[in-house]
């Protein structure tokens, strides 16, 4: 593990640009080892192992979320040699953010920060979502906008883990 590792946890709705932003970091800073971990990618891999059709949220069975979490933890451990690790998930639930920050802290990661993606208008998110390989749909986007909290809430959640040590 790189003892100087910086972990960035993204917060934002689906289709808000989290994955694109993370990938842009890799392109903008080629001198850094930047690893990206996304649960959606793990879901798609798991789905592909069991199906001959492209991933679809309509066909996704949430009973596989435990396996996604197991793979996420395994992959996380494999990616700790980076300079920067981006956890590019929605993290709309501050409690989930705290759980992940604790896991990172337990693994020895000391530098944790957020990249917050403010809510965009629903119509704009729907347009971006429709251009993605696995759109979540308007109803999910609407729910996510409603669940997204002010940036300070997520920073407080992250700082609560830092204060535990």
N, C-alpha and C. Protein backbone atom coordinates (compact mmCIF):
# COMPACT_ATOMS: atom_id res chain seq x y z
N UNK A 1 0.84 -1.19 0.00
CA UNK A 1 0.00 0.00 0.00
C UNK A 1 0.88 1.25 0.00
N UNK A 2 0.45 2.21 -0.73
CA UNK A 2 1.11 3.50 -0.73
C UNK A 2 0.65 4.27 0.51
N UNK A 3 1.56 4.58 1.41
CA UNK A 3 1.19 5.27 2.66
C UNK A 3 0.76 6.70 2.42
N UNK A 4 1.01 7.21 1.23
CA UNK A 4 0.62 8.58 0.89
C UNK A 4 -0.65 8.61 0.03
N UNK A 5 -1.32 7.50 -0.05
CA UNK A 5 -2.51 7.39 -0.90
C UNK A 5 -3.56 8.43 -0.54
N UNK A 6 -4.10 9.06 -1.56
CA UNK A 6 -5.23 9.97 -1.41
C UNK A 6 -6.46 9.27 -1.96
N UNK A 7 -7.49 9.12 -1.12
CA UNK A 7 -8.75 8.52 -1.56
C UNK A 7 -9.78 9.62 -1.76
N UNK A 8 -10.41 9.62 -2.92
CA UNK A 8 -11.44 10.58 -3.24
C UNK A 8 -12.75 9.83 -3.37
N UNK A 9 -13.73 10.22 -2.57
CA UNK A 9 -15.05 9.61 -2.64
C UNK A 9 -15.97 10.60 -3.34
N UNK A 10 -16.60 10.17 -4.41
CA UNK A 10 -17.51 11.05 -5.13
C UNK A 10 -18.89 11.00 -4.51
N UNK A 11 -19.61 12.10 -4.63
CA UNK A 11 -21.00 12.19 -4.19
C UNK A 11 -21.78 12.88 -5.30
N UNK A 12 -22.80 12.21 -5.79
CA UNK A 12 -23.63 12.81 -6.83
C UNK A 12 -24.58 11.78 -7.42
N UNK A 13 -25.58 12.27 -8.09
CA UNK A 13 -26.57 11.39 -8.70
C UNK A 13 -25.96 10.61 -9.86
N UNK A 14 -26.66 9.61 -10.30
CA UNK A 14 -26.29 8.95 -11.54
C UNK A 14 -26.31 9.99 -12.66
N UNK A 15 -25.46 9.81 -13.65
CA UNK A 15 -25.39 10.69 -14.82
C UNK A 15 -24.91 12.10 -14.50
N UNK A 16 -24.32 12.31 -13.31
CA UNK A 16 -23.85 13.65 -12.95
C UNK A 16 -22.42 13.91 -13.39
N UNK A 17 -21.74 12.89 -13.91
CA UNK A 17 -20.38 13.10 -14.41
C UNK A 17 -19.28 12.53 -13.53
N UNK A 18 -19.62 11.73 -12.54
CA UNK A 18 -18.62 11.19 -11.62
C UNK A 18 -17.58 10.34 -12.33
N UNK A 19 -18.03 9.40 -13.13
CA UNK A 19 -17.11 8.49 -13.84
C UNK A 19 -16.28 9.26 -14.87
N UNK A 20 -16.91 10.16 -15.58
CA UNK A 20 -16.18 10.96 -16.57
C UNK A 20 -15.13 11.82 -15.89
N UNK A 21 -15.49 12.41 -14.76
CA UNK A 21 -14.54 13.23 -14.01
C UNK A 21 -13.35 12.38 -13.55
N UNK A 22 -13.64 11.19 -13.02
CA UNK A 22 -12.58 10.31 -12.54
C UNK A 22 -11.65 9.93 -13.69
N UNK A 23 -12.22 9.59 -14.82
CA UNK A 23 -11.40 9.23 -15.98
C UNK A 23 -10.58 10.43 -16.46
N UNK A 24 -11.13 11.62 -16.36
CA UNK A 24 -10.38 12.81 -16.78
C UNK A 24 -9.15 13.03 -15.89
N UNK A 25 -9.23 12.63 -14.63
CA UNK A 25 -8.06 12.74 -13.76
C UNK A 25 -6.91 11.90 -14.29
N UNK A 26 -7.22 10.69 -14.73
CA UNK A 26 -6.20 9.80 -15.28
C UNK A 26 -5.54 10.45 -16.48
N UNK A 27 -6.34 11.08 -17.32
CA UNK A 27 -5.81 11.72 -18.53
C UNK A 27 -5.05 13.00 -18.21
N UNK A 28 -5.53 13.77 -17.23
CA UNK A 28 -4.90 15.05 -16.89
C UNK A 28 -3.62 14.89 -16.09
N UNK A 29 -3.49 13.79 -15.36
CA UNK A 29 -2.33 13.59 -14.50
C UNK A 29 -1.66 12.25 -14.77
N UNK A 30 -1.08 12.09 -15.97
CA UNK A 30 -0.50 10.80 -16.34
C UNK A 30 0.70 10.41 -15.46
N UNK A 31 1.29 11.37 -14.77
CA UNK A 31 2.42 11.07 -13.91
C UNK A 31 2.00 10.42 -12.59
N UNK A 32 0.71 10.45 -12.29
CA UNK A 32 0.20 9.83 -11.07
C UNK A 32 -0.43 8.48 -11.38
N UNK A 33 -0.31 7.57 -10.44
CA UNK A 33 -1.02 6.29 -10.55
C UNK A 33 -2.41 6.51 -9.94
N UNK A 34 -3.40 6.60 -10.80
CA UNK A 34 -4.77 6.85 -10.37
C UNK A 34 -5.61 5.62 -10.68
N UNK A 35 -6.17 5.04 -9.64
CA UNK A 35 -7.06 3.89 -9.80
C UNK A 35 -8.49 4.34 -9.52
N UNK A 36 -9.42 3.75 -10.26
CA UNK A 36 -10.84 4.08 -10.12
C UNK A 36 -11.59 2.80 -9.77
N UNK A 37 -12.45 2.90 -8.77
CA UNK A 37 -13.27 1.77 -8.37
C UNK A 37 -14.73 2.21 -8.39
N UNK A 38 -15.55 1.48 -9.16
CA UNK A 38 -16.97 1.80 -9.30
C UNK A 38 -17.80 0.54 -9.09
N UNK A 39 -18.79 0.64 -8.25
CA UNK A 39 -19.68 -0.50 -8.03
C UNK A 39 -20.45 -0.86 -9.30
N UNK A 40 -20.83 0.13 -10.09
CA UNK A 40 -21.57 -0.16 -11.32
C UNK A 40 -20.74 -1.04 -12.26
N UNK A 41 -19.45 -0.81 -12.32
CA UNK A 41 -18.59 -1.64 -13.16
C UNK A 41 -18.57 -3.08 -12.63
N UNK A 42 -18.53 -3.22 -11.31
CA UNK A 42 -18.56 -4.56 -10.72
C UNK A 42 -19.89 -5.25 -10.99
N UNK A 43 -20.97 -4.49 -10.92
CA UNK A 43 -22.29 -5.06 -11.23
C UNK A 43 -22.34 -5.55 -12.68
N UNK A 44 -21.79 -4.75 -13.57
CA UNK A 44 -21.80 -5.13 -14.98
C UNK A 44 -20.95 -6.37 -15.22
N UNK A 45 -19.81 -6.48 -14.54
CA UNK A 45 -18.96 -7.67 -14.66
C UNK A 45 -19.69 -8.90 -14.15
N UNK A 46 -20.32 -8.78 -13.00
CA UNK A 46 -21.05 -9.88 -12.40
C UNK A 46 -22.21 -10.32 -13.30
N UNK A 47 -22.91 -9.34 -13.84
CA UNK A 47 -24.04 -9.61 -14.74
C UNK A 47 -23.55 -10.33 -16.00
N UNK A 48 -22.43 -9.88 -16.55
CA UNK A 48 -21.89 -10.48 -17.78
C UNK A 48 -21.50 -11.93 -17.56
N UNK A 49 -21.05 -12.27 -16.36
CA UNK A 49 -20.67 -13.65 -16.06
C UNK A 49 -21.87 -14.59 -16.13
N UNK A 50 -23.06 -14.07 -15.85
CA UNK A 50 -24.25 -14.92 -15.77
C UNK A 50 -25.20 -14.77 -16.96
N UNK A 51 -24.97 -13.78 -17.81
CA UNK A 51 -25.92 -13.49 -18.88
C UNK A 51 -25.20 -13.25 -20.20
N UNK A 52 -25.92 -13.50 -21.27
CA UNK A 52 -25.38 -13.25 -22.61
C UNK A 52 -25.91 -11.94 -23.20
N UNK A 53 -26.59 -11.15 -22.37
CA UNK A 53 -27.16 -9.89 -22.85
C UNK A 53 -26.47 -8.73 -22.14
N UNK A 54 -26.50 -7.55 -22.75
CA UNK A 54 -25.90 -6.37 -22.10
C UNK A 54 -26.59 -6.06 -20.76
N UNK A 55 -25.83 -5.48 -19.87
CA UNK A 55 -26.35 -5.12 -18.55
C UNK A 55 -27.54 -4.18 -18.68
N UNK A 56 -28.53 -4.40 -17.84
CA UNK A 56 -29.71 -3.55 -17.79
C UNK A 56 -30.15 -3.45 -16.34
N UNK A 57 -30.44 -2.23 -15.90
CA UNK A 57 -30.93 -2.07 -14.53
C UNK A 57 -32.28 -2.76 -14.34
N UNK A 58 -33.06 -2.83 -15.39
CA UNK A 58 -34.36 -3.50 -15.29
C UNK A 58 -34.19 -4.99 -15.01
N UNK A 59 -33.09 -5.58 -15.46
CA UNK A 59 -32.83 -7.00 -15.26
C UNK A 59 -31.95 -7.29 -14.05
N UNK A 60 -31.41 -6.26 -13.42
CA UNK A 60 -30.50 -6.46 -12.29
C UNK A 60 -31.27 -6.96 -11.08
N UNK A 61 -30.75 -7.99 -10.44
CA UNK A 61 -31.35 -8.57 -9.26
C UNK A 61 -30.56 -8.10 -8.04
N UNK A 62 -31.19 -7.36 -7.17
CA UNK A 62 -30.50 -6.77 -6.01
C UNK A 62 -29.99 -7.83 -5.04
N UNK A 63 -30.39 -9.08 -5.19
CA UNK A 63 -29.86 -10.12 -4.33
C UNK A 63 -28.35 -10.31 -4.53
N UNK A 64 -27.82 -9.80 -5.63
CA UNK A 64 -26.39 -9.92 -5.91
C UNK A 64 -25.56 -8.79 -5.29
N UNK A 65 -26.20 -7.89 -4.57
CA UNK A 65 -25.46 -6.76 -3.98
C UNK A 65 -24.42 -7.20 -2.95
N UNK A 66 -24.67 -8.29 -2.25
CA UNK A 66 -23.66 -8.79 -1.31
C UNK A 66 -22.40 -9.22 -2.05
N UNK A 67 -22.58 -9.87 -3.19
CA UNK A 67 -21.43 -10.27 -4.00
C UNK A 67 -20.72 -9.04 -4.56
N UNK A 68 -21.48 -8.02 -4.93
CA UNK A 68 -20.87 -6.77 -5.40
C UNK A 68 -20.01 -6.18 -4.28
N UNK A 69 -20.53 -6.16 -3.07
CA UNK A 69 -19.77 -5.62 -1.93
C UNK A 69 -18.50 -6.45 -1.69
N UNK A 70 -18.61 -7.74 -1.78
CA UNK A 70 -17.45 -8.61 -1.58
C UNK A 70 -16.37 -8.32 -2.63
N UNK A 71 -16.79 -8.21 -3.88
CA UNK A 71 -15.84 -7.90 -4.95
C UNK A 71 -15.27 -6.50 -4.80
N UNK A 72 -16.11 -5.57 -4.33
CA UNK A 72 -15.65 -4.19 -4.13
C UNK A 72 -14.51 -4.18 -3.11
N UNK A 73 -14.69 -4.89 -2.01
CA UNK A 73 -13.67 -4.93 -0.96
C UNK A 73 -12.39 -5.60 -1.46
N UNK A 74 -12.56 -6.68 -2.20
CA UNK A 74 -11.40 -7.38 -2.77
C UNK A 74 -10.64 -6.46 -3.74
N UNK A 75 -11.37 -5.81 -4.62
CA UNK A 75 -10.74 -4.90 -5.60
C UNK A 75 -10.11 -3.72 -4.90
N UNK A 76 -10.79 -3.19 -3.88
CA UNK A 76 -10.24 -2.07 -3.12
C UNK A 76 -8.85 -2.41 -2.59
N UNK A 77 -8.72 -3.57 -2.00
CA UNK A 77 -7.42 -3.99 -1.45
C UNK A 77 -6.35 -4.08 -2.54
N UNK A 78 -6.76 -4.46 -3.75
CA UNK A 78 -5.81 -4.58 -4.86
C UNK A 78 -5.37 -3.22 -5.40
N UNK A 79 -6.15 -2.18 -5.16
CA UNK A 79 -5.88 -0.87 -5.76
C UNK A 79 -5.17 0.11 -4.82
N UNK A 80 -4.78 -0.33 -3.65
CA UNK A 80 -4.20 0.57 -2.66
C UNK A 80 -2.76 0.97 -2.94
N UNK A 81 -2.18 0.49 -4.03
CA UNK A 81 -0.81 0.87 -4.37
C UNK A 81 -0.76 2.16 -5.20
N UNK A 82 -1.88 2.77 -5.43
CA UNK A 82 -1.96 3.97 -6.27
C UNK A 82 -1.51 5.22 -5.50
N UNK A 83 -1.37 6.31 -6.24
CA UNK A 83 -1.19 7.62 -5.63
C UNK A 83 -2.55 8.18 -5.24
N UNK A 84 -3.54 7.92 -6.12
CA UNK A 84 -4.90 8.40 -5.92
C UNK A 84 -5.86 7.25 -6.21
N UNK A 85 -6.82 7.09 -5.32
CA UNK A 85 -7.87 6.10 -5.52
C UNK A 85 -9.20 6.84 -5.53
N UNK A 86 -9.93 6.72 -6.61
CA UNK A 86 -11.23 7.38 -6.72
C UNK A 86 -12.32 6.32 -6.56
N UNK A 87 -13.17 6.50 -5.57
CA UNK A 87 -14.33 5.63 -5.37
C UNK A 87 -15.50 6.36 -6.01
N UNK A 88 -15.74 6.05 -7.27
CA UNK A 88 -16.69 6.80 -8.11
C UNK A 88 -18.08 6.18 -8.05
N UNK A 89 -18.73 6.35 -6.92
CA UNK A 89 -20.09 5.89 -6.72
C UNK A 89 -20.95 7.07 -6.28
N UNK A 90 -22.26 6.86 -6.19
CA UNK A 90 -23.14 7.98 -5.84
C UNK A 90 -22.93 8.46 -4.41
N UNK A 91 -22.79 7.55 -3.45
CA UNK A 91 -22.61 7.89 -2.03
C UNK A 91 -23.66 8.89 -1.53
N UNK A 92 -24.89 8.74 -1.96
CA UNK A 92 -25.94 9.67 -1.55
C UNK A 92 -26.30 9.51 -0.08
N UNK A 93 -26.08 8.36 0.47
CA UNK A 93 -26.38 8.07 1.87
C UNK A 93 -25.13 8.36 2.71
N UNK A 94 -25.16 9.37 3.59
CA UNK A 94 -23.98 9.66 4.41
C UNK A 94 -23.53 8.46 5.24
N UNK A 95 -24.45 7.60 5.65
CA UNK A 95 -24.08 6.41 6.42
C UNK A 95 -23.20 5.47 5.58
N UNK A 96 -23.51 5.34 4.30
CA UNK A 96 -22.68 4.52 3.41
C UNK A 96 -21.30 5.15 3.25
N UNK A 97 -21.26 6.44 3.15
CA UNK A 97 -19.99 7.15 3.05
C UNK A 97 -19.15 6.88 4.29
N UNK A 98 -19.77 6.92 5.46
CA UNK A 98 -19.06 6.65 6.71
C UNK A 98 -18.54 5.21 6.72
N UNK A 99 -19.36 4.25 6.30
CA UNK A 99 -18.91 2.85 6.27
C UNK A 99 -17.69 2.69 5.37
N UNK A 100 -17.72 3.31 4.21
CA UNK A 100 -16.57 3.19 3.30
C UNK A 100 -15.35 3.91 3.84
N UNK A 101 -15.55 5.06 4.44
CA UNK A 101 -14.42 5.79 5.03
C UNK A 101 -13.78 4.98 6.16
N UNK A 102 -14.59 4.30 6.95
CA UNK A 102 -14.05 3.44 8.02
C UNK A 102 -13.25 2.28 7.44
N UNK A 103 -13.75 1.67 6.38
CA UNK A 103 -13.01 0.59 5.74
C UNK A 103 -11.66 1.10 5.26
N UNK A 104 -11.67 2.24 4.60
CA UNK A 104 -10.42 2.83 4.12
C UNK A 104 -9.47 3.13 5.28
N UNK A 105 -10.01 3.71 6.35
CA UNK A 105 -9.18 4.02 7.52
C UNK A 105 -8.60 2.75 8.13
N UNK A 106 -9.41 1.71 8.21
CA UNK A 106 -8.94 0.43 8.76
C UNK A 106 -7.84 -0.18 7.89
N UNK A 107 -7.85 0.12 6.61
CA UNK A 107 -6.82 -0.36 5.69
C UNK A 107 -5.58 0.53 5.68
N UNK A 108 -5.62 1.60 6.47
CA UNK A 108 -4.46 2.48 6.59
C UNK A 108 -4.51 3.73 5.75
N UNK A 109 -5.61 3.99 5.07
CA UNK A 109 -5.73 5.20 4.26
C UNK A 109 -6.04 6.37 5.19
N UNK A 110 -5.22 7.41 5.14
CA UNK A 110 -5.37 8.55 6.04
C UNK A 110 -5.91 9.80 5.38
N UNK A 111 -5.72 9.90 4.08
CA UNK A 111 -6.14 11.10 3.36
C UNK A 111 -7.42 10.80 2.58
N UNK A 112 -8.54 11.32 3.08
CA UNK A 112 -9.84 11.12 2.45
C UNK A 112 -10.46 12.47 2.13
N UNK A 113 -10.92 12.62 0.91
CA UNK A 113 -11.61 13.85 0.53
C UNK A 113 -12.83 13.51 -0.32
N UNK A 114 -13.65 14.52 -0.54
CA UNK A 114 -14.86 14.38 -1.35
C UNK A 114 -14.73 15.14 -2.66
N UNK A 115 -15.40 14.63 -3.66
CA UNK A 115 -15.67 15.41 -4.86
C UNK A 115 -17.18 15.40 -5.01
N UNK A 116 -17.78 16.54 -4.79
CA UNK A 116 -19.24 16.68 -4.76
C UNK A 116 -19.75 17.17 -6.11
N UNK A 117 -20.79 16.53 -6.59
CA UNK A 117 -21.42 16.90 -7.86
C UNK A 117 -22.82 17.40 -7.55
N UNK A 118 -23.03 18.71 -7.57
CA UNK A 118 -24.34 19.26 -7.22
C UNK A 118 -25.43 18.76 -8.16
N UNK A 119 -26.64 18.81 -7.67
CA UNK A 119 -27.79 18.36 -8.48
C UNK A 119 -27.89 19.20 -9.75
N UNK A 120 -28.14 18.52 -10.83
CA UNK A 120 -28.41 19.18 -12.10
C UNK A 120 -29.91 19.08 -12.34
N UNK A 121 -30.43 19.90 -13.23
CA UNK A 121 -31.86 19.77 -13.56
C UNK A 121 -32.17 18.37 -14.06
N UNK A 122 -33.32 17.87 -13.69
CA UNK A 122 -33.73 16.52 -14.04
C UNK A 122 -33.68 16.28 -15.55
N UNK A 123 -34.14 17.23 -16.33
CA UNK A 123 -34.15 17.06 -17.80
C UNK A 123 -32.72 16.86 -18.32
N UNK A 124 -31.78 17.61 -17.77
CA UNK A 124 -30.39 17.47 -18.18
C UNK A 124 -29.85 16.10 -17.80
N UNK A 125 -30.15 15.64 -16.59
CA UNK A 125 -29.70 14.31 -16.15
C UNK A 125 -30.30 13.21 -17.02
N UNK A 126 -31.57 13.36 -17.36
CA UNK A 126 -32.22 12.36 -18.21
C UNK A 126 -31.52 12.29 -19.57
N UNK A 127 -31.17 13.44 -20.11
CA UNK A 127 -30.48 13.46 -21.42
C UNK A 127 -29.13 12.76 -21.33
N UNK A 128 -28.36 13.06 -20.28
CA UNK A 128 -27.06 12.39 -20.10
C UNK A 128 -27.26 10.89 -19.86
N UNK A 129 -28.26 10.56 -19.06
CA UNK A 129 -28.52 9.17 -18.71
C UNK A 129 -28.86 8.35 -19.96
N UNK A 130 -29.62 8.91 -20.86
CA UNK A 130 -30.02 8.19 -22.07
C UNK A 130 -28.83 7.86 -22.97
N UNK A 131 -27.74 8.60 -22.82
CA UNK A 131 -26.55 8.35 -23.64
C UNK A 131 -25.58 7.38 -22.98
N UNK A 132 -25.94 6.86 -21.80
CA UNK A 132 -25.07 5.91 -21.11
C UNK A 132 -25.42 4.49 -21.51
N UNK A 133 -24.47 3.59 -21.36
CA UNK A 133 -24.71 2.20 -21.77
C UNK A 133 -25.76 1.51 -20.91
N UNK A 134 -25.91 1.94 -19.66
CA UNK A 134 -26.91 1.33 -18.76
C UNK A 134 -27.68 2.44 -18.04
N UNK A 135 -28.63 3.07 -18.74
CA UNK A 135 -29.37 4.18 -18.10
C UNK A 135 -30.19 3.69 -16.90
N UNK A 136 -30.29 4.55 -15.89
CA UNK A 136 -31.08 4.19 -14.70
C UNK A 136 -32.53 4.61 -14.85
N UNK A 137 -32.80 5.61 -15.68
CA UNK A 137 -34.17 6.06 -15.92
C UNK A 137 -34.55 7.29 -15.11
N UNK A 138 -35.57 7.96 -15.57
CA UNK A 138 -36.01 9.23 -14.99
C UNK A 138 -36.49 9.08 -13.56
N UNK A 139 -37.22 8.02 -13.24
CA UNK A 139 -37.75 7.85 -11.88
C UNK A 139 -36.62 7.73 -10.86
N UNK A 140 -35.59 6.96 -11.20
CA UNK A 140 -34.45 6.80 -10.29
C UNK A 140 -33.71 8.12 -10.14
N UNK A 141 -33.51 8.82 -11.24
CA UNK A 141 -32.83 10.11 -11.17
C UNK A 141 -33.59 11.09 -10.28
N UNK A 142 -34.91 11.11 -10.42
CA UNK A 142 -35.74 11.99 -9.59
C UNK A 142 -35.56 11.65 -8.11
N UNK A 143 -35.58 10.38 -7.78
CA UNK A 143 -35.37 9.95 -6.39
C UNK A 143 -33.99 10.34 -5.88
N UNK A 144 -33.00 10.18 -6.73
CA UNK A 144 -31.64 10.52 -6.32
C UNK A 144 -31.49 12.02 -6.06
N UNK A 145 -32.10 12.83 -6.90
CA UNK A 145 -32.06 14.29 -6.68
C UNK A 145 -32.67 14.62 -5.32
N UNK A 146 -33.76 13.96 -4.99
CA UNK A 146 -34.41 14.20 -3.70
C UNK A 146 -33.55 13.74 -2.52
N UNK A 147 -32.76 12.70 -2.72
CA UNK A 147 -31.92 12.17 -1.65
C UNK A 147 -30.60 12.93 -1.49
N UNK A 148 -30.15 13.60 -2.54
CA UNK A 148 -28.89 14.33 -2.48
C UNK A 148 -28.98 15.45 -1.45
N UNK A 149 -28.03 15.46 -0.54
CA UNK A 149 -28.02 16.45 0.54
C UNK A 149 -26.95 17.51 0.26
N UNK A 150 -26.98 18.60 1.01
CA UNK A 150 -25.94 19.63 0.82
C UNK A 150 -24.54 19.05 1.06
N UNK A 151 -23.58 19.59 0.37
CA UNK A 151 -22.20 19.10 0.44
C UNK A 151 -21.68 19.01 1.87
N UNK A 152 -22.05 19.97 2.72
CA UNK A 152 -21.55 19.99 4.10
C UNK A 152 -21.91 18.72 4.86
N UNK A 153 -23.06 18.14 4.57
CA UNK A 153 -23.50 16.92 5.25
C UNK A 153 -22.51 15.79 4.99
N UNK A 154 -22.04 15.68 3.78
CA UNK A 154 -21.11 14.62 3.41
C UNK A 154 -19.72 14.88 4.00
N UNK A 155 -19.30 16.14 4.01
CA UNK A 155 -18.02 16.47 4.64
C UNK A 155 -18.07 16.15 6.13
N UNK A 156 -19.17 16.47 6.79
CA UNK A 156 -19.30 16.15 8.22
C UNK A 156 -19.23 14.64 8.44
N UNK A 157 -19.85 13.87 7.59
CA UNK A 157 -19.81 12.42 7.70
C UNK A 157 -18.36 11.93 7.58
N UNK A 158 -17.65 12.44 6.59
CA UNK A 158 -16.27 12.04 6.39
C UNK A 158 -15.39 12.45 7.55
N UNK A 159 -15.60 13.67 8.05
CA UNK A 159 -14.80 14.16 9.16
C UNK A 159 -15.10 13.39 10.45
N UNK A 160 -16.31 12.87 10.58
CA UNK A 160 -16.63 12.10 11.80
C UNK A 160 -15.75 10.86 11.89
N UNK A 161 -15.41 10.28 10.75
CA UNK A 161 -14.52 9.11 10.74
C UNK A 161 -13.10 9.53 11.08
N UNK A 162 -12.66 10.66 10.55
CA UNK A 162 -11.32 11.16 10.87
C UNK A 162 -11.17 11.44 12.36
N UNK A 163 -12.25 11.92 12.97
CA UNK A 163 -12.20 12.25 14.40
C UNK A 163 -12.23 11.02 15.29
N UNK A 164 -12.57 9.86 14.74
CA UNK A 164 -12.61 8.62 15.52
C UNK A 164 -11.20 8.14 15.85
N UNK A 165 -10.25 8.49 15.04
CA UNK A 165 -8.88 7.97 15.20
C UNK A 165 -8.09 8.77 16.21
